[in-house]
Amino acid sequence: MSVLFVAGKGLKRLDEAVADDLDEGDGEGEDIITVPAWPDLPYLTEGLDVGATYKCSQHCWFSFGRRFHFYEQFERLADFANYEQRPPGADQTGAFRELFRRGDFFGPVVSAKLAADFSYWDPLARAGGILDESFYEHYDQWREMFKFAANDGALWLRCS
């Protein structure tokens, strides 16, 4: 199975009455999203209201191929960032920290922070990509994905 993310930008909060009128099959996951609650990781939704429904003016799908290959590259990103595995409640700072918490929804504030991390580390990742093109292809797609959602958008896992 493929790993698919949807990134949306230009989010506008829908009135509760409008959101309540939406049928279950009315495109939620593409241009309409309800912000999930993350009690352990509340900063993932920063910039949006938990439980609120939003419509995005633009959305873009990002496909990472097979799940095994995605997680293999994800582990390589963790090695690249010198990320140490710690329990979810442990404080840990550094590049890509929010991504490694295994959330599947990222609001505009976290997306902007991750876009900045990917941009900052891009020259080093690009240099490593000379030796491993597959890693850099994933890195570049992650960078573009978070850049798309930064500031006024969100990003969510659609399928894995």
N, C-alpha and C. Protein backbone atom coordinates (compact mmCIF):
# COMPACT_ATOMS: atom_id res chain seq x y z
N MET A 1 0.84 -1.18 0.00
CA MET A 1 0.00 0.00 0.00
C MET A 1 0.88 1.24 0.00
N SER A 2 0.44 2.26 -0.71
CA SER A 2 1.19 3.51 -0.80
C SER A 2 0.93 4.41 0.40
N VAL A 3 1.89 5.27 0.66
CA VAL A 3 1.75 6.30 1.70
C VAL A 3 1.40 7.60 0.98
N LEU A 4 0.23 8.15 1.33
CA LEU A 4 -0.26 9.37 0.69
C LEU A 4 -0.55 10.43 1.73
N PHE A 5 -0.08 11.64 1.47
CA PHE A 5 -0.40 12.79 2.30
C PHE A 5 -1.16 13.79 1.44
N VAL A 6 -2.01 14.57 2.08
CA VAL A 6 -2.68 15.70 1.42
C VAL A 6 -2.23 16.95 2.15
N ALA A 7 -1.80 17.94 1.38
CA ALA A 7 -1.46 19.24 1.94
C ALA A 7 -2.46 20.24 1.39
N GLY A 8 -2.97 21.06 2.28
CA GLY A 8 -3.91 22.10 1.86
C GLY A 8 -3.41 23.46 2.30
N LYS A 9 -3.74 24.48 1.54
CA LYS A 9 -3.40 25.84 1.95
C LYS A 9 -4.58 26.76 1.67
N GLY A 10 -4.50 27.94 2.27
CA GLY A 10 -5.62 28.87 2.16
C GLY A 10 -6.81 28.38 2.96
N LEU A 11 -6.55 27.85 4.16
CA LEU A 11 -7.62 27.29 4.98
C LEU A 11 -8.58 28.38 5.48
N LYS A 12 -9.84 28.08 5.37
CA LYS A 12 -10.90 28.95 5.90
C LYS A 12 -11.80 28.09 6.77
N ARG A 13 -12.01 28.56 7.99
CA ARG A 13 -12.87 27.81 8.92
C ARG A 13 -14.32 27.90 8.46
N LEU A 14 -15.00 26.76 8.45
CA LEU A 14 -16.41 26.72 8.10
C LEU A 14 -17.26 26.95 9.34
N ASP A 15 -18.37 27.64 9.16
CA ASP A 15 -19.33 27.80 10.26
C ASP A 15 -19.79 26.41 10.69
N GLU A 16 -20.12 26.28 11.96
CA GLU A 16 -20.57 24.98 12.48
C GLU A 16 -21.78 24.46 11.72
N ALA A 17 -22.70 25.34 11.37
CA ALA A 17 -23.91 24.91 10.65
C ALA A 17 -23.55 24.32 9.29
N VAL A 18 -22.60 24.95 8.59
CA VAL A 18 -22.16 24.45 7.29
C VAL A 18 -21.44 23.12 7.47
N ALA A 19 -20.55 23.05 8.45
CA ALA A 19 -19.80 21.82 8.71
C ALA A 19 -20.74 20.68 9.08
N ASP A 20 -21.76 20.97 9.88
CA ASP A 20 -22.72 19.94 10.29
C ASP A 20 -23.54 19.42 9.12
N ASP A 21 -23.76 20.26 8.11
CA ASP A 21 -24.55 19.86 6.94
C ASP A 21 -23.78 18.97 5.97
N LEU A 22 -22.47 18.92 6.11
CA LEU A 22 -21.68 18.11 5.20
C LEU A 22 -21.97 16.63 5.44
N ASP A 23 -22.17 15.91 4.37
CA ASP A 23 -22.32 14.46 4.48
C ASP A 23 -20.96 13.84 4.69
N GLU A 24 -20.94 12.64 5.21
CA GLU A 24 -19.67 11.94 5.47
C GLU A 24 -18.82 11.86 4.20
N GLY A 25 -19.43 11.69 3.04
CA GLY A 25 -18.67 11.50 1.81
C GLY A 25 -18.39 12.77 1.05
N ASP A 26 -18.56 13.92 1.64
CA ASP A 26 -18.39 15.19 0.92
C ASP A 26 -16.95 15.65 0.80
N GLY A 27 -16.03 14.75 0.52
CA GLY A 27 -14.68 15.17 0.22
C GLY A 27 -13.77 15.38 1.40
N GLU A 28 -14.19 15.03 2.61
CA GLU A 28 -13.27 15.22 3.74
C GLU A 28 -12.02 14.41 3.45
N GLY A 29 -10.87 15.02 3.61
CA GLY A 29 -9.61 14.38 3.28
C GLY A 29 -9.00 14.99 2.04
N GLU A 30 -9.76 15.72 1.26
CA GLU A 30 -9.21 16.39 0.09
C GLU A 30 -9.18 17.89 0.32
N ASP A 31 -10.34 18.54 0.22
CA ASP A 31 -10.33 19.99 0.44
C ASP A 31 -11.07 20.40 1.70
N ILE A 32 -11.61 19.44 2.42
CA ILE A 32 -12.28 19.71 3.70
C ILE A 32 -11.69 18.80 4.76
N ILE A 33 -11.36 19.39 5.90
CA ILE A 33 -10.73 18.60 6.97
C ILE A 33 -11.24 19.09 8.33
N THR A 34 -11.46 18.14 9.21
CA THR A 34 -11.78 18.46 10.60
C THR A 34 -10.51 18.23 11.42
N VAL A 35 -10.12 19.21 12.19
CA VAL A 35 -8.86 19.14 12.94
C VAL A 35 -8.99 18.15 14.09
N PRO A 36 -8.13 17.12 14.10
CA PRO A 36 -8.20 16.12 15.17
C PRO A 36 -7.58 16.63 16.47
N ALA A 37 -7.96 16.01 17.56
CA ALA A 37 -7.37 16.34 18.87
C ALA A 37 -6.15 15.45 19.08
N TRP A 38 -5.07 16.05 19.53
CA TRP A 38 -3.85 15.33 19.88
C TRP A 38 -3.50 15.69 21.31
N PRO A 39 -4.11 15.04 22.31
CA PRO A 39 -3.87 15.40 23.71
C PRO A 39 -2.40 15.32 24.11
N ASP A 40 -1.67 14.35 23.57
CA ASP A 40 -0.26 14.21 23.92
C ASP A 40 0.64 15.15 23.13
N LEU A 41 0.16 15.62 21.98
CA LEU A 41 0.97 16.45 21.09
C LEU A 41 0.16 17.65 20.59
N PRO A 42 -0.33 18.50 21.49
CA PRO A 42 -1.23 19.58 21.07
C PRO A 42 -0.60 20.58 20.11
N TYR A 43 0.72 20.71 20.13
CA TYR A 43 1.38 21.69 19.26
C TYR A 43 1.27 21.31 17.79
N LEU A 44 0.94 20.04 17.48
CA LEU A 44 0.83 19.64 16.07
C LEU A 44 -0.29 20.39 15.35
N THR A 45 -1.31 20.80 16.08
CA THR A 45 -2.45 21.49 15.46
C THR A 45 -2.42 23.00 15.69
N GLU A 46 -1.32 23.51 16.23
CA GLU A 46 -1.22 24.94 16.54
C GLU A 46 -1.55 25.79 15.30
N GLY A 47 -2.36 26.81 15.54
CA GLY A 47 -2.79 27.69 14.45
C GLY A 47 -4.18 27.35 13.94
N LEU A 48 -4.73 26.23 14.40
CA LEU A 48 -6.07 25.80 14.02
C LEU A 48 -6.84 25.44 15.29
N ASP A 49 -8.14 25.42 15.19
CA ASP A 49 -8.99 25.07 16.33
C ASP A 49 -9.35 23.59 16.26
N VAL A 50 -9.00 22.85 17.32
CA VAL A 50 -9.31 21.42 17.38
C VAL A 50 -10.82 21.23 17.29
N GLY A 51 -11.23 20.29 16.46
CA GLY A 51 -12.65 19.99 16.27
C GLY A 51 -13.33 20.83 15.21
N ALA A 52 -12.68 21.91 14.79
CA ALA A 52 -13.26 22.78 13.76
C ALA A 52 -13.04 22.16 12.38
N THR A 53 -13.91 22.52 11.45
CA THR A 53 -13.82 22.04 10.08
C THR A 53 -13.36 23.19 9.19
N TYR A 54 -12.40 22.88 8.32
CA TYR A 54 -11.81 23.89 7.44
C TYR A 54 -11.91 23.43 5.99
N LYS A 55 -11.99 24.40 5.11
CA LYS A 55 -11.93 24.14 3.67
C LYS A 55 -10.68 24.84 3.15
N CYS A 56 -9.93 24.14 2.30
CA CYS A 56 -8.73 24.77 1.75
C CYS A 56 -9.00 25.24 0.32
N SER A 57 -8.33 26.32 -0.06
CA SER A 57 -8.50 26.86 -1.40
C SER A 57 -7.71 26.05 -2.42
N GLN A 58 -6.64 25.41 -1.97
CA GLN A 58 -5.83 24.55 -2.84
C GLN A 58 -5.39 23.34 -2.04
N HIS A 59 -5.31 22.21 -2.71
CA HIS A 59 -4.73 21.04 -2.05
C HIS A 59 -3.86 20.30 -3.05
N CYS A 60 -2.94 19.54 -2.52
CA CYS A 60 -2.00 18.80 -3.34
C CYS A 60 -1.73 17.45 -2.67
N TRP A 61 -1.70 16.41 -3.46
CA TRP A 61 -1.40 15.07 -2.95
C TRP A 61 0.10 14.81 -3.08
N PHE A 62 0.64 14.13 -2.10
CA PHE A 62 2.05 13.72 -2.12
C PHE A 62 2.10 12.21 -1.89
N SER A 63 2.64 11.49 -2.86
CA SER A 63 2.72 10.04 -2.79
C SER A 63 4.17 9.62 -2.57
N PHE A 64 4.36 8.73 -1.61
CA PHE A 64 5.70 8.27 -1.28
C PHE A 64 5.93 6.81 -1.63
N GLY A 65 5.08 6.23 -2.43
CA GLY A 65 5.27 4.84 -2.81
C GLY A 65 4.92 3.89 -1.68
N ARG A 66 5.50 2.74 -1.72
CA ARG A 66 5.19 1.68 -0.76
C ARG A 66 5.55 2.06 0.67
N ARG A 67 4.73 1.58 1.59
CA ARG A 67 4.91 1.88 3.01
C ARG A 67 6.29 1.48 3.51
N PHE A 68 6.76 0.29 3.14
CA PHE A 68 8.06 -0.18 3.61
C PHE A 68 9.16 0.80 3.19
N HIS A 69 9.13 1.19 1.94
CA HIS A 69 10.17 2.10 1.44
C HIS A 69 10.07 3.47 2.12
N PHE A 70 8.85 3.97 2.34
CA PHE A 70 8.66 5.24 3.02
C PHE A 70 9.29 5.20 4.41
N TYR A 71 8.98 4.17 5.19
CA TYR A 71 9.50 4.09 6.56
C TYR A 71 11.00 3.84 6.59
N GLU A 72 11.50 3.17 5.58
CA GLU A 72 12.95 3.00 5.47
C GLU A 72 13.62 4.38 5.29
N GLN A 73 13.05 5.20 4.42
CA GLN A 73 13.60 6.55 4.20
C GLN A 73 13.36 7.45 5.41
N PHE A 74 12.25 7.24 6.10
CA PHE A 74 11.95 7.99 7.32
C PHE A 74 13.01 7.70 8.38
N GLU A 75 13.39 6.43 8.52
CA GLU A 75 14.45 6.07 9.47
C GLU A 75 15.78 6.70 9.06
N ARG A 76 16.02 6.79 7.77
CA ARG A 76 17.25 7.43 7.30
C ARG A 76 17.24 8.92 7.60
N LEU A 77 16.06 9.54 7.53
CA LEU A 77 15.94 10.95 7.91
C LEU A 77 16.26 11.11 9.40
N ALA A 78 15.79 10.19 10.22
CA ALA A 78 16.09 10.24 11.66
C ALA A 78 17.59 10.12 11.90
N ASP A 79 18.25 9.24 11.17
CA ASP A 79 19.71 9.12 11.29
C ASP A 79 20.39 10.41 10.83
N PHE A 80 19.92 10.95 9.71
CA PHE A 80 20.46 12.19 9.16
C PHE A 80 20.37 13.32 10.18
N ALA A 81 19.25 13.37 10.92
CA ALA A 81 19.02 14.44 11.89
C ALA A 81 19.56 14.12 13.28
N ASN A 82 20.21 12.97 13.42
CA ASN A 82 20.71 12.52 14.73
C ASN A 82 19.61 12.49 15.78
N TYR A 83 18.45 12.04 15.36
CA TYR A 83 17.31 11.96 16.26
C TYR A 83 17.45 10.71 17.13
N GLU A 84 17.23 10.88 18.42
CA GLU A 84 17.27 9.75 19.34
C GLU A 84 15.86 9.37 19.72
N GLN A 85 15.57 8.08 19.69
CA GLN A 85 14.25 7.62 20.09
C GLN A 85 14.05 7.87 21.58
N ARG A 86 12.95 8.51 21.92
CA ARG A 86 12.59 8.78 23.30
C ARG A 86 11.09 8.59 23.46
N PRO A 87 10.64 8.39 24.67
CA PRO A 87 9.19 8.28 24.86
C PRO A 87 8.49 9.55 24.38
N PRO A 88 7.25 9.44 23.87
CA PRO A 88 6.53 10.59 23.33
C PRO A 88 6.45 11.79 24.26
N GLY A 89 6.44 11.61 25.56
CA GLY A 89 6.33 12.74 26.48
C GLY A 89 7.64 13.45 26.74
N ALA A 90 8.74 12.86 26.31
CA ALA A 90 10.06 13.45 26.60
C ALA A 90 10.29 14.67 25.72
N ASP A 91 10.81 15.73 26.33
CA ASP A 91 11.15 16.92 25.54
C ASP A 91 12.38 16.61 24.72
N GLN A 92 12.34 17.03 23.50
CA GLN A 92 13.48 16.88 22.62
C GLN A 92 13.40 17.99 21.59
N THR A 93 14.46 18.72 21.45
CA THR A 93 14.48 19.81 20.48
C THR A 93 15.28 19.37 19.27
N GLY A 94 15.24 20.19 18.25
CA GLY A 94 16.06 19.92 17.09
C GLY A 94 15.24 19.84 15.81
N ALA A 95 15.98 19.67 14.74
CA ALA A 95 15.38 19.61 13.41
C ALA A 95 14.45 18.41 13.29
N PHE A 96 13.32 18.63 12.68
CA PHE A 96 12.35 17.58 12.33
C PHE A 96 11.70 16.91 13.53
N ARG A 97 11.90 17.44 14.74
CA ARG A 97 11.41 16.81 15.97
C ARG A 97 9.92 16.46 15.87
N GLU A 98 9.12 17.37 15.37
CA GLU A 98 7.67 17.17 15.31
C GLU A 98 7.30 16.00 14.39
N LEU A 99 8.05 15.84 13.34
CA LEU A 99 7.79 14.76 12.39
C LEU A 99 8.03 13.40 13.02
N PHE A 100 9.02 13.31 13.89
CA PHE A 100 9.37 12.03 14.50
C PHE A 100 8.43 11.63 15.63
N ARG A 101 7.52 12.50 15.99
CA ARG A 101 6.55 12.15 17.04
C ARG A 101 5.43 11.27 16.49
N ARG A 102 5.47 10.98 15.21
CA ARG A 102 4.54 10.06 14.55
C ARG A 102 3.11 10.58 14.46
N GLY A 103 2.97 11.89 14.42
CA GLY A 103 1.65 12.45 14.20
C GLY A 103 1.24 12.25 12.74
N ASP A 104 -0.04 12.32 12.48
CA ASP A 104 -0.49 12.21 11.09
C ASP A 104 -1.28 13.45 10.65
N PHE A 105 -1.17 14.52 11.44
CA PHE A 105 -1.78 15.80 11.10
C PHE A 105 -0.85 16.91 11.57
N PHE A 106 -0.60 17.88 10.70
CA PHE A 106 0.32 18.98 11.03
C PHE A 106 -0.34 20.29 10.63
N GLY A 107 -0.53 21.17 11.61
CA GLY A 107 -1.13 22.47 11.36
C GLY A 107 -0.14 23.44 10.73
N PRO A 108 -0.55 24.69 10.52
CA PRO A 108 0.28 25.67 9.81
C PRO A 108 1.56 26.05 10.54
N VAL A 109 1.54 26.13 11.86
CA VAL A 109 2.73 26.54 12.61
C VAL A 109 3.80 25.45 12.53
N VAL A 110 3.41 24.22 12.77
CA VAL A 110 4.37 23.11 12.70
C VAL A 110 4.83 22.89 11.26
N SER A 111 3.93 23.04 10.30
CA SER A 111 4.32 22.89 8.89
C SER A 111 5.37 23.93 8.51
N ALA A 112 5.20 25.17 8.97
CA ALA A 112 6.18 26.23 8.68
C ALA A 112 7.52 25.91 9.33
N LYS A 113 7.49 25.41 10.57
CA LYS A 113 8.73 25.06 11.27
C LYS A 113 9.44 23.93 10.54
N LEU A 114 8.68 22.89 10.13
CA LEU A 114 9.29 21.77 9.43
C LEU A 114 9.78 22.18 8.04
N ALA A 115 9.04 23.05 7.35
CA ALA A 115 9.51 23.55 6.06
C ALA A 115 10.84 24.28 6.22
N ALA A 116 10.97 25.06 7.29
CA ALA A 116 12.23 25.76 7.57
C ALA A 116 13.35 24.77 7.88
N ASP A 117 13.05 23.72 8.64
CA ASP A 117 14.06 22.69 8.93
C ASP A 117 14.54 22.04 7.64
N PHE A 118 13.61 21.64 6.78
CA PHE A 118 13.99 20.98 5.53
C PHE A 118 14.79 21.93 4.64
N SER A 119 14.41 23.19 4.60
CA SER A 119 15.13 24.17 3.80
C SER A 119 16.55 24.38 4.32
N TYR A 120 16.67 24.52 5.64
CA TYR A 120 17.97 24.76 6.26
C TYR A 120 18.94 23.60 6.00
N TRP A 121 18.45 22.37 6.13
CA TRP A 121 19.31 21.19 5.99
C TRP A 121 19.43 20.70 4.55
N ASP A 122 18.77 21.38 3.61
CA ASP A 122 18.77 20.93 2.22
C ASP A 122 20.17 20.79 1.61
N PRO A 123 21.09 21.75 1.79
CA PRO A 123 22.41 21.58 1.18
C PRO A 123 23.12 20.30 1.63
N LEU A 124 23.01 19.98 2.91
CA LEU A 124 23.64 18.76 3.41
C LEU A 124 22.93 17.51 2.87
N ALA A 125 21.61 17.55 2.82
CA ALA A 125 20.85 16.42 2.27
C ALA A 125 21.14 16.25 0.79
N ARG A 126 21.26 17.37 0.08
CA ARG A 126 21.56 17.31 -1.36
C ARG A 126 22.94 16.70 -1.58
N ALA A 127 23.90 17.07 -0.75
CA ALA A 127 25.25 16.49 -0.86
C ALA A 127 25.20 14.99 -0.61
N GLY A 128 24.41 14.58 0.39
CA GLY A 128 24.24 13.15 0.65
C GLY A 128 23.49 12.46 -0.47
N GLY A 129 22.62 13.21 -1.14
CA GLY A 129 21.83 12.66 -2.24
C GLY A 129 22.67 12.27 -3.43
N ILE A 130 23.84 12.85 -3.55
CA ILE A 130 24.75 12.45 -4.61
C ILE A 130 25.09 10.98 -4.45
N LEU A 131 25.23 10.55 -3.20
CA LEU A 131 25.54 9.16 -2.92
C LEU A 131 24.28 8.30 -2.87
N ASP A 132 23.17 8.88 -2.50
CA ASP A 132 21.92 8.12 -2.37
C ASP A 132 20.75 8.94 -2.90
N GLU A 133 20.49 8.77 -4.16
CA GLU A 133 19.45 9.53 -4.83
C GLU A 133 18.06 9.29 -4.24
N SER A 134 17.79 8.06 -3.81
CA SER A 134 16.49 7.72 -3.25
C SER A 134 16.19 8.53 -1.98
N PHE A 135 17.19 8.68 -1.11
CA PHE A 135 16.99 9.46 0.11
C PHE A 135 16.67 10.91 -0.24
N TYR A 136 17.44 11.50 -1.14
CA TYR A 136 17.20 12.90 -1.45
C TYR A 136 15.85 13.11 -2.14
N GLU A 137 15.40 12.17 -2.95
CA GLU A 137 14.08 12.30 -3.57
C GLU A 137 12.99 12.40 -2.49
N HIS A 138 13.09 11.56 -1.46
CA HIS A 138 12.12 11.62 -0.35
C HIS A 138 12.29 12.93 0.42
N TYR A 139 13.52 13.29 0.70
CA TYR A 139 13.79 14.52 1.45
C TYR A 139 13.17 15.72 0.73
N ASP A 140 13.42 15.80 -0.57
CA ASP A 140 12.91 16.92 -1.36
C ASP A 140 11.38 16.94 -1.37
N GLN A 141 10.76 15.78 -1.42
CA GLN A 141 9.30 15.73 -1.41
C GLN A 141 8.75 16.14 -0.04
N TRP A 142 9.39 15.69 1.05
CA TRP A 142 8.98 16.15 2.38
C TRP A 142 9.08 17.67 2.48
N ARG A 143 10.19 18.21 1.96
CA ARG A 143 10.39 19.66 2.00
C ARG A 143 9.27 20.39 1.27
N GLU A 144 8.96 19.95 0.06
CA GLU A 144 7.90 20.58 -0.73
C GLU A 144 6.53 20.44 -0.07
N MET A 145 6.29 19.31 0.55
CA MET A 145 5.01 19.05 1.21
C MET A 145 4.77 20.03 2.36
N PHE A 146 5.78 20.18 3.21
CA PHE A 146 5.61 21.10 4.35
C PHE A 146 5.63 22.56 3.91
N LYS A 147 6.38 22.86 2.88
CA LYS A 147 6.40 24.22 2.33
C LYS A 147 5.01 24.59 1.80
N PHE A 148 4.34 23.66 1.15
CA PHE A 148 3.01 23.90 0.61
C PHE A 148 2.02 24.23 1.73
N ALA A 149 2.14 23.54 2.87
CA ALA A 149 1.19 23.71 3.98
C ALA A 149 1.57 24.81 4.95
N ALA A 150 2.77 25.35 4.83
CA ALA A 150 3.26 26.35 5.79
C ALA A 150 2.39 27.60 5.80
N ASN A 151 2.27 28.19 6.96
CA ASN A 151 1.63 29.49 7.20
C ASN A 151 0.11 29.48 7.22
N ASP A 152 -0.56 29.03 6.17
CA ASP A 152 -2.03 29.09 6.17
C ASP A 152 -2.65 27.75 5.76
N GLY A 153 -1.93 26.67 6.05
CA GLY A 153 -2.42 25.37 5.61
C GLY A 153 -2.29 24.29 6.66
N ALA A 154 -2.42 23.08 6.20
CA ALA A 154 -2.27 21.90 7.06
C ALA A 154 -1.89 20.73 6.16
N LEU A 155 -1.45 19.70 6.81
CA LEU A 155 -0.99 18.50 6.12
C LEU A 155 -1.50 17.30 6.89
N TRP A 156 -2.02 16.31 6.20
CA TRP A 156 -2.52 15.14 6.90
C TRP A 156 -2.26 13.88 6.10
N LEU A 157 -2.06 12.79 6.83
CA LEU A 157 -1.87 11.47 6.24
C LEU A 157 -3.22 10.99 5.73
N ARG A 158 -3.27 10.60 4.49
CA ARG A 158 -4.53 10.14 3.89
C ARG A 158 -4.58 8.63 3.80
N CYS A 159 -3.43 8.00 3.61
CA CYS A 159 -3.41 6.56 3.42
C CYS A 159 -2.01 6.03 3.69
N SER A 160 -1.94 4.92 4.42
CA SER A 160 -0.64 4.25 4.59
C SER A 160 -0.86 2.78 4.80
